[in-house]
Amino acid sequence: MNIRDLIDSLENYAERYGDGCEVKLQTQQAWPFINFISGVCSASEVAAAAAASGGEPDEPECHAGAEDGVSEDIFLVEGGQEGYGNSAAWEACG
């Protein structure tokens, strides 16, 4: 999914249900969990934070910086588990 597809999808839900809806993640289809989102960051920001703390990015294959026509990767960062999800979510969105 690219950023425009995500924005369009979220805007459609905002029109249908209002701007006050919380955005959460369902992860692991075989054993689904509902997770809250703690933030959003770019691959370049992850690399900069890793360098500032003396480490290396955990995901060297992510696209940091728009080089050679490759877009920057954007991450929705999981904040923690809120409870169990439902595997039907994958059918509902797909």
Protein backbone atom coordinates (compact mmCIF):
# COMPACT_ATOMS: atom_id res chain seq x y z
CA MET A 1 0.00 0.00 0.00
CA ASN A 2 1.32 3.45 -0.79
CA ILE A 3 0.75 6.62 1.22
CA ARG A 4 -1.90 8.01 -1.17
CA ASP A 5 -3.93 4.76 -1.01
CA LEU A 6 -3.80 4.87 2.79
CA ILE A 7 -4.81 8.55 2.95
CA ASP A 8 -7.68 7.98 0.50
CA SER A 9 -8.93 4.99 2.47
CA LEU A 10 -8.74 6.87 5.79
CA GLU A 11 -10.51 9.89 4.27
CA ASN A 12 -13.33 7.64 3.05
CA TYR A 13 -13.76 6.20 6.56
CA ALA A 14 -13.61 9.70 8.09
CA GLU A 15 -16.44 10.80 5.78
CA ARG A 16 -18.49 7.72 6.71
CA TYR A 17 -17.84 7.56 10.48
CA GLY A 18 -16.36 10.96 11.45
CA ASP A 19 -12.92 12.26 12.27
CA GLY A 20 -12.96 10.96 15.84
CA CYS A 21 -12.41 7.31 14.91
CA GLU A 22 -9.23 5.76 16.28
CA VAL A 23 -6.89 4.07 13.82
CA LYS A 24 -5.51 0.75 15.06
CA LEU A 25 -3.62 -2.20 13.58
CA GLN A 26 -4.73 -5.80 13.34
CA THR A 27 -1.71 -8.05 13.08
CA GLN A 28 -1.03 -11.77 12.63
CA GLN A 29 -3.96 -13.23 10.70
CA ALA A 30 -3.49 -16.72 12.18
CA TRP A 31 -3.54 -15.37 15.77
CA PRO A 32 -4.91 -11.83 15.40
CA PHE A 33 -4.20 -8.98 17.79
CA ILE A 34 -5.45 -5.39 17.90
CA ASN A 35 -2.64 -2.89 18.45
CA PHE A 36 -2.67 0.86 18.95
CA ILE A 37 -0.39 3.09 16.88
CA SER A 38 2.18 5.11 18.80
CA GLY A 39 3.35 7.17 15.84
CA VAL A 40 4.45 7.53 12.24
CA CYS A 41 8.03 7.93 10.98
CA SER A 42 10.08 7.63 7.82
CA ALA A 43 12.92 5.25 7.07
CA SER A 44 15.30 8.23 7.09
CA GLU A 45 14.10 9.17 10.58
CA VAL A 46 14.67 5.59 11.76
CA ALA A 47 18.18 5.62 10.30
CA ALA A 48 18.94 8.99 11.94
CA ALA A 49 17.64 7.80 15.33
CA ALA A 50 19.69 4.60 15.04
CA ALA A 51 22.82 6.55 14.13
CA ALA A 52 22.25 9.00 17.02
CA SER A 53 22.11 6.11 19.46
CA GLY A 54 25.20 4.48 17.97
CA GLY A 55 23.34 1.64 16.28
CA GLU A 56 22.35 0.46 12.84
CA PRO A 57 18.82 0.37 11.44
CA ASP A 58 17.22 -3.04 12.05
CA GLU A 59 15.82 -3.09 8.51
CA PRO A 60 18.65 -2.23 6.08
CA GLU A 61 16.44 -3.07 3.10
CA CYS A 62 14.00 -0.22 3.79
CA HIS A 63 14.09 2.76 1.46
CA ALA A 64 15.59 5.75 3.24
CA GLY A 65 15.71 8.83 1.03
CA ALA A 66 14.24 9.16 -2.41
CA GLU A 67 17.27 7.93 -4.33
CA ASP A 68 17.17 6.45 -7.82
CA GLY A 69 13.43 7.11 -8.08
CA VAL A 70 12.64 4.90 -5.07
CA SER A 71 10.21 6.47 -2.62
CA GLU A 72 10.86 6.79 1.10
CA ASP A 73 9.29 4.06 3.26
CA ILE A 74 6.87 5.33 5.91
CA PHE A 75 6.19 3.28 9.06
CA LEU A 76 3.15 3.10 11.30
CA VAL A 77 4.74 2.22 14.62
CA GLU A 78 2.92 -0.19 16.93
CA GLY A 79 2.40 1.17 20.41
CA GLY A 80 1.20 -1.98 22.12
CA GLN A 81 -1.42 -4.69 22.15
CA GLU A 82 -4.96 -3.78 23.17
CA GLY A 83 -6.54 -7.20 22.80
CA TYR A 84 -7.38 -10.00 20.44
CA GLY A 85 -8.51 -9.28 16.90
CA ASN A 86 -10.58 -11.24 14.40
CA SER A 87 -9.15 -13.04 11.37
CA ALA A 88 -12.20 -11.91 9.38
CA ALA A 89 -10.51 -8.49 9.12
CA TRP A 90 -8.34 -9.83 6.28
CA GLU A 91 -11.45 -10.91 4.35
CA ALA A 92 -13.18 -7.58 5.05
CA CYS A 93 -10.36 -5.48 3.59
CA GLY A 94 -9.38 -7.72 0.76
